[in-house]
Amino acid sequence: MEGRTLLRIGVVVTCLAVTGLGYRNSNGDNSDAVAAATRAACGATEPCSASLEQQSRGSFGHEYAFRVERTAAGKKTSGQVIVACQRELLLLGDWACKPK
């Protein structure tokens, strides 16, 4: 009987922890993710400026749309870049971002 009780408590605690982590990803502070997404939007191109136009946040990842302006060989170009970000582990870890 005690084994089942401990199992039930473990399942409830695990569910609450996963729910809390998902909530934090979708509604918490996303400044780290925005910074990583901005770096991914510009890539290695210098000089580059990226301004955030739109964001979509979920429990398992974020998407950001940037207006990116680059200057290459004296010519200024502009376009939209969409960047997808996910945590290294499903709900934990640093943000890893790459352009779509």
N, C-alpha and C. Protein backbone atom coordinates (compact mmCIF):
# COMPACT_ATOMS: atom_id res chain seq x y z
N MET A 1 0.81 -1.19 0.00
CA MET A 1 0.00 0.00 0.00
C MET A 1 0.86 1.26 0.00
N GLU A 2 1.96 1.25 0.76
CA GLU A 2 2.81 2.43 0.81
C GLU A 2 3.53 2.66 -0.51
N GLY A 3 3.84 1.61 -1.23
CA GLY A 3 4.50 1.74 -2.52
C GLY A 3 3.62 2.47 -3.53
N ARG A 4 2.35 2.13 -3.53
CA ARG A 4 1.41 2.80 -4.44
C ARG A 4 1.23 4.27 -4.06
N THR A 5 1.18 4.55 -2.79
CA THR A 5 1.04 5.94 -2.33
C THR A 5 2.24 6.76 -2.78
N LEU A 6 3.44 6.23 -2.61
CA LEU A 6 4.64 6.94 -3.03
C LEU A 6 4.66 7.12 -4.55
N LEU A 7 4.19 6.12 -5.28
CA LEU A 7 4.12 6.22 -6.73
C LEU A 7 3.15 7.32 -7.14
N ARG A 8 2.01 7.38 -6.52
CA ARG A 8 1.02 8.42 -6.82
C ARG A 8 1.57 9.81 -6.52
N ILE A 9 2.23 9.95 -5.39
CA ILE A 9 2.82 11.24 -5.03
C ILE A 9 3.89 11.61 -6.05
N GLY A 10 4.71 10.65 -6.45
CA GLY A 10 5.75 10.89 -7.45
C GLY A 10 5.18 11.33 -8.78
N VAL A 11 4.09 10.70 -9.21
CA VAL A 11 3.45 11.07 -10.47
C VAL A 11 2.88 12.48 -10.39
N VAL A 12 2.23 12.81 -9.30
CA VAL A 12 1.65 14.15 -9.13
C VAL A 12 2.75 15.20 -9.12
N VAL A 13 3.83 14.96 -8.38
CA VAL A 13 4.93 15.93 -8.32
C VAL A 13 5.57 16.09 -9.69
N THR A 14 5.75 15.01 -10.43
CA THR A 14 6.33 15.08 -11.78
C THR A 14 5.43 15.89 -12.71
N CYS A 15 4.14 15.64 -12.65
CA CYS A 15 3.20 16.39 -13.50
C CYS A 15 3.22 17.88 -13.16
N LEU A 16 3.25 18.21 -11.89
CA LEU A 16 3.31 19.61 -11.49
C LEU A 16 4.61 20.27 -11.94
N ALA A 17 5.72 19.55 -11.85
CA ALA A 17 7.02 20.09 -12.29
C ALA A 17 7.03 20.34 -13.79
N VAL A 18 6.53 19.40 -14.58
CA VAL A 18 6.49 19.57 -16.04
C VAL A 18 5.57 20.72 -16.41
N THR A 19 4.44 20.84 -15.75
CA THR A 19 3.51 21.94 -16.00
C THR A 19 4.16 23.28 -15.67
N GLY A 20 4.85 23.35 -14.55
CA GLY A 20 5.53 24.59 -14.15
C GLY A 20 6.63 24.98 -15.13
N LEU A 21 7.41 24.01 -15.60
CA LEU A 21 8.47 24.31 -16.57
C LEU A 21 7.88 24.77 -17.90
N GLY A 22 6.81 24.14 -18.34
CA GLY A 22 6.15 24.57 -19.57
C GLY A 22 5.58 25.97 -19.46
N TYR A 23 4.99 26.27 -18.33
CA TYR A 23 4.46 27.61 -18.09
C TYR A 23 5.57 28.64 -18.09
N ARG A 24 6.69 28.31 -17.46
CA ARG A 24 7.82 29.23 -17.42
C ARG A 24 8.35 29.50 -18.83
N ASN A 25 8.42 28.48 -19.67
CA ASN A 25 8.90 28.66 -21.04
C ASN A 25 7.97 29.54 -21.85
N SER A 26 6.66 29.38 -21.67
CA SER A 26 5.72 30.14 -22.50
C SER A 26 5.39 31.52 -21.95
N ASN A 27 5.49 31.71 -20.65
CA ASN A 27 5.08 32.99 -20.06
C ASN A 27 6.15 33.69 -19.25
N GLY A 28 7.29 33.06 -19.06
CA GLY A 28 8.35 33.66 -18.25
C GLY A 28 9.18 34.67 -19.01
N ASP A 29 10.24 35.13 -18.37
CA ASP A 29 11.17 36.09 -18.97
C ASP A 29 11.87 35.44 -20.17
N ASN A 30 11.77 36.07 -21.32
CA ASN A 30 12.36 35.50 -22.53
C ASN A 30 13.53 36.32 -23.06
N SER A 31 14.14 37.13 -22.22
CA SER A 31 15.22 37.99 -22.68
C SER A 31 16.42 37.18 -23.19
N ASP A 32 16.72 36.03 -22.58
CA ASP A 32 17.80 35.17 -23.06
C ASP A 32 17.49 34.64 -24.45
N ALA A 33 16.25 34.22 -24.66
CA ALA A 33 15.86 33.68 -25.96
C ALA A 33 15.87 34.75 -27.04
N VAL A 34 15.44 35.96 -26.71
CA VAL A 34 15.44 37.05 -27.69
C VAL A 34 16.88 37.41 -28.07
N ALA A 35 17.78 37.43 -27.10
CA ALA A 35 19.18 37.74 -27.40
C ALA A 35 19.79 36.67 -28.31
N ALA A 36 19.53 35.40 -28.02
CA ALA A 36 20.05 34.31 -28.86
C ALA A 36 19.42 34.36 -30.25
N ALA A 37 18.15 34.70 -30.34
CA ALA A 37 17.47 34.78 -31.63
C ALA A 37 18.01 35.95 -32.45
N THR A 38 18.32 37.05 -31.81
CA THR A 38 18.88 38.20 -32.52
C THR A 38 20.24 37.85 -33.11
N ARG A 39 21.07 37.14 -32.33
CA ARG A 39 22.37 36.70 -32.85
C ARG A 39 22.19 35.75 -34.03
N ALA A 40 21.21 34.86 -33.95
CA ALA A 40 20.96 33.90 -35.03
C ALA A 40 20.42 34.61 -36.27
N ALA A 41 19.62 35.64 -36.09
CA ALA A 41 19.05 36.36 -37.23
C ALA A 41 20.14 37.07 -38.03
N CYS A 42 21.10 37.64 -37.33
CA CYS A 42 22.18 38.35 -38.02
C CYS A 42 23.25 37.38 -38.53
N GLY A 43 23.43 36.27 -37.86
CA GLY A 43 24.48 35.34 -38.26
C GLY A 43 25.84 35.97 -38.05
N ALA A 44 26.78 35.64 -38.92
CA ALA A 44 28.14 36.16 -38.81
C ALA A 44 28.31 37.45 -39.60
N THR A 45 27.25 37.94 -40.20
CA THR A 45 27.32 39.14 -41.03
C THR A 45 27.50 40.38 -40.16
N GLU A 46 28.50 41.15 -40.46
CA GLU A 46 28.71 42.43 -39.77
C GLU A 46 28.81 43.51 -40.82
N PRO A 47 28.35 44.68 -40.68
CA PRO A 47 27.40 45.10 -39.65
C PRO A 47 25.98 44.64 -39.97
N CYS A 48 25.23 44.44 -38.94
CA CYS A 48 23.86 43.94 -39.08
C CYS A 48 23.03 44.52 -37.95
N SER A 49 21.79 44.87 -38.25
CA SER A 49 20.87 45.29 -37.19
C SER A 49 19.58 44.51 -37.37
N ALA A 50 19.09 43.98 -36.28
CA ALA A 50 17.85 43.18 -36.31
C ALA A 50 16.86 43.79 -35.33
N SER A 51 15.66 44.07 -35.81
CA SER A 51 14.61 44.59 -34.93
C SER A 51 13.47 43.57 -34.89
N LEU A 52 13.03 43.28 -33.69
CA LEU A 52 11.98 42.28 -33.47
C LEU A 52 10.65 42.82 -33.96
N GLU A 53 10.00 42.05 -34.84
CA GLU A 53 8.68 42.45 -35.36
C GLU A 53 7.55 41.64 -34.75
N GLN A 54 7.79 40.36 -34.54
CA GLN A 54 6.71 39.48 -34.07
C GLN A 54 7.32 38.33 -33.29
N GLN A 55 6.56 37.81 -32.31
CA GLN A 55 7.02 36.65 -31.56
C GLN A 55 5.87 35.71 -31.27
N SER A 56 6.20 34.44 -31.23
CA SER A 56 5.24 33.40 -30.91
C SER A 56 5.90 32.49 -29.89
N ARG A 57 5.28 32.38 -28.72
CA ARG A 57 5.89 31.62 -27.63
C ARG A 57 5.01 30.45 -27.23
N GLY A 58 5.63 29.29 -27.07
CA GLY A 58 4.93 28.10 -26.63
C GLY A 58 5.72 27.40 -25.54
N SER A 59 5.20 26.31 -25.03
CA SER A 59 5.87 25.58 -23.96
C SER A 59 7.16 24.92 -24.42
N PHE A 60 7.24 24.53 -25.69
CA PHE A 60 8.39 23.76 -26.17
C PHE A 60 9.30 24.55 -27.09
N GLY A 61 8.95 25.78 -27.43
CA GLY A 61 9.81 26.58 -28.28
C GLY A 61 9.20 27.93 -28.59
N HIS A 62 10.03 28.80 -29.15
CA HIS A 62 9.60 30.15 -29.53
C HIS A 62 9.96 30.39 -30.99
N GLU A 63 9.22 31.27 -31.63
CA GLU A 63 9.56 31.75 -32.97
C GLU A 63 9.54 33.26 -32.96
N TYR A 64 10.55 33.85 -33.60
CA TYR A 64 10.68 35.30 -33.66
C TYR A 64 10.84 35.72 -35.11
N ALA A 65 10.20 36.82 -35.49
CA ALA A 65 10.37 37.39 -36.82
C ALA A 65 11.11 38.72 -36.65
N PHE A 66 12.22 38.85 -37.37
CA PHE A 66 13.06 40.04 -37.30
C PHE A 66 13.11 40.74 -38.65
N ARG A 67 13.19 42.06 -38.62
CA ARG A 67 13.53 42.85 -39.80
C ARG A 67 15.04 43.07 -39.70
N VAL A 68 15.77 42.50 -40.65
CA VAL A 68 17.24 42.52 -40.61
C VAL A 68 17.76 43.43 -41.71
N GLU A 69 18.67 44.32 -41.33
CA GLU A 69 19.33 45.20 -42.30
C GLU A 69 20.83 44.91 -42.25
N ARG A 70 21.38 44.63 -43.44
CA ARG A 70 22.81 44.32 -43.56
C ARG A 70 23.44 45.29 -44.56
N THR A 71 24.72 45.54 -44.35
CA THR A 71 25.48 46.35 -45.29
C THR A 71 26.66 45.50 -45.77
N ALA A 72 26.70 45.24 -47.07
CA ALA A 72 27.78 44.47 -47.66
C ALA A 72 28.26 45.18 -48.90
N ALA A 73 29.56 45.43 -48.97
CA ALA A 73 30.18 46.10 -50.12
C ALA A 73 29.52 47.45 -50.40
N GLY A 74 29.16 48.15 -49.33
CA GLY A 74 28.56 49.46 -49.47
C GLY A 74 27.10 49.45 -49.87
N LYS A 75 26.51 48.28 -50.00
CA LYS A 75 25.10 48.16 -50.39
C LYS A 75 24.28 47.70 -49.19
N LYS A 76 23.23 48.42 -48.91
CA LYS A 76 22.36 48.10 -47.78
C LYS A 76 21.20 47.23 -48.25
N THR A 77 21.02 46.08 -47.60
CA THR A 77 19.90 45.20 -47.92
C THR A 77 19.06 44.98 -46.67
N SER A 78 17.80 44.68 -46.90
CA SER A 78 16.87 44.49 -45.79
C SER A 78 15.94 43.33 -46.11
N GLY A 79 15.55 42.61 -45.09
CA GLY A 79 14.63 41.49 -45.28
C GLY A 79 14.14 40.95 -43.95
N GLN A 80 13.21 40.04 -44.03
CA GLN A 80 12.67 39.43 -42.82
C GLN A 80 13.30 38.06 -42.62
N VAL A 81 13.68 37.78 -41.38
CA VAL A 81 14.25 36.49 -41.00
C VAL A 81 13.41 35.93 -39.87
N ILE A 82 12.99 34.69 -40.01
CA ILE A 82 12.24 34.00 -38.95
C ILE A 82 13.19 33.04 -38.26
N VAL A 83 13.25 33.12 -36.94
CA VAL A 83 14.17 32.33 -36.15
C VAL A 83 13.37 31.45 -35.20
N ALA A 84 13.72 30.16 -35.14
CA ALA A 84 13.08 29.21 -34.22
C ALA A 84 14.05 28.91 -33.08
N CYS A 85 13.55 28.94 -31.86
CA CYS A 85 14.38 28.69 -30.68
C CYS A 85 13.76 27.55 -29.86
N GLN A 86 14.65 26.70 -29.36
CA GLN A 86 14.24 25.62 -28.46
C GLN A 86 15.28 25.49 -27.36
N ARG A 87 14.87 24.94 -26.25
CA ARG A 87 15.82 24.68 -25.17
C ARG A 87 16.67 23.46 -25.55
N GLU A 88 17.86 23.39 -24.98
CA GLU A 88 18.76 22.27 -25.27
C GLU A 88 18.12 20.94 -24.87
N LEU A 89 17.55 20.90 -23.69
CA LEU A 89 16.75 19.76 -23.27
C LEU A 89 15.30 20.18 -23.48
N LEU A 90 14.39 19.28 -23.42
CA LEU A 90 13.01 19.57 -23.78
C LEU A 90 12.45 20.81 -23.09
N LEU A 91 12.59 20.91 -21.78
CA LEU A 91 12.06 22.05 -21.04
C LEU A 91 13.13 22.77 -20.22
N LEU A 92 14.37 22.32 -20.31
CA LEU A 92 15.46 22.89 -19.52
C LEU A 92 16.65 23.21 -20.41
N GLY A 93 17.57 23.99 -19.88
CA GLY A 93 18.81 24.29 -20.59
C GLY A 93 18.77 25.64 -21.26
N ASP A 94 19.88 25.95 -21.93
CA ASP A 94 20.00 27.23 -22.63
C ASP A 94 19.19 27.18 -23.92
N TRP A 95 18.91 28.38 -24.44
CA TRP A 95 18.17 28.48 -25.69
C TRP A 95 19.12 28.29 -26.86
N ALA A 96 18.71 27.48 -27.82
CA ALA A 96 19.45 27.29 -29.08
C ALA A 96 18.53 27.77 -30.20
N CYS A 97 19.02 28.72 -30.99
CA CYS A 97 18.20 29.33 -32.03
C CYS A 97 18.85 29.17 -33.40
N LYS A 98 18.01 29.01 -34.41
CA LYS A 98 18.52 28.95 -35.79
C LYS A 98 17.46 29.50 -36.73
N PRO A 99 17.89 30.15 -37.81
CA PRO A 99 16.93 30.68 -38.79
C PRO A 99 16.18 29.54 -39.46
N LYS A 100 14.91 29.80 -39.79
CA LYS A 100 14.11 28.79 -40.48
C LYS A 100 14.32 28.88 -41.97
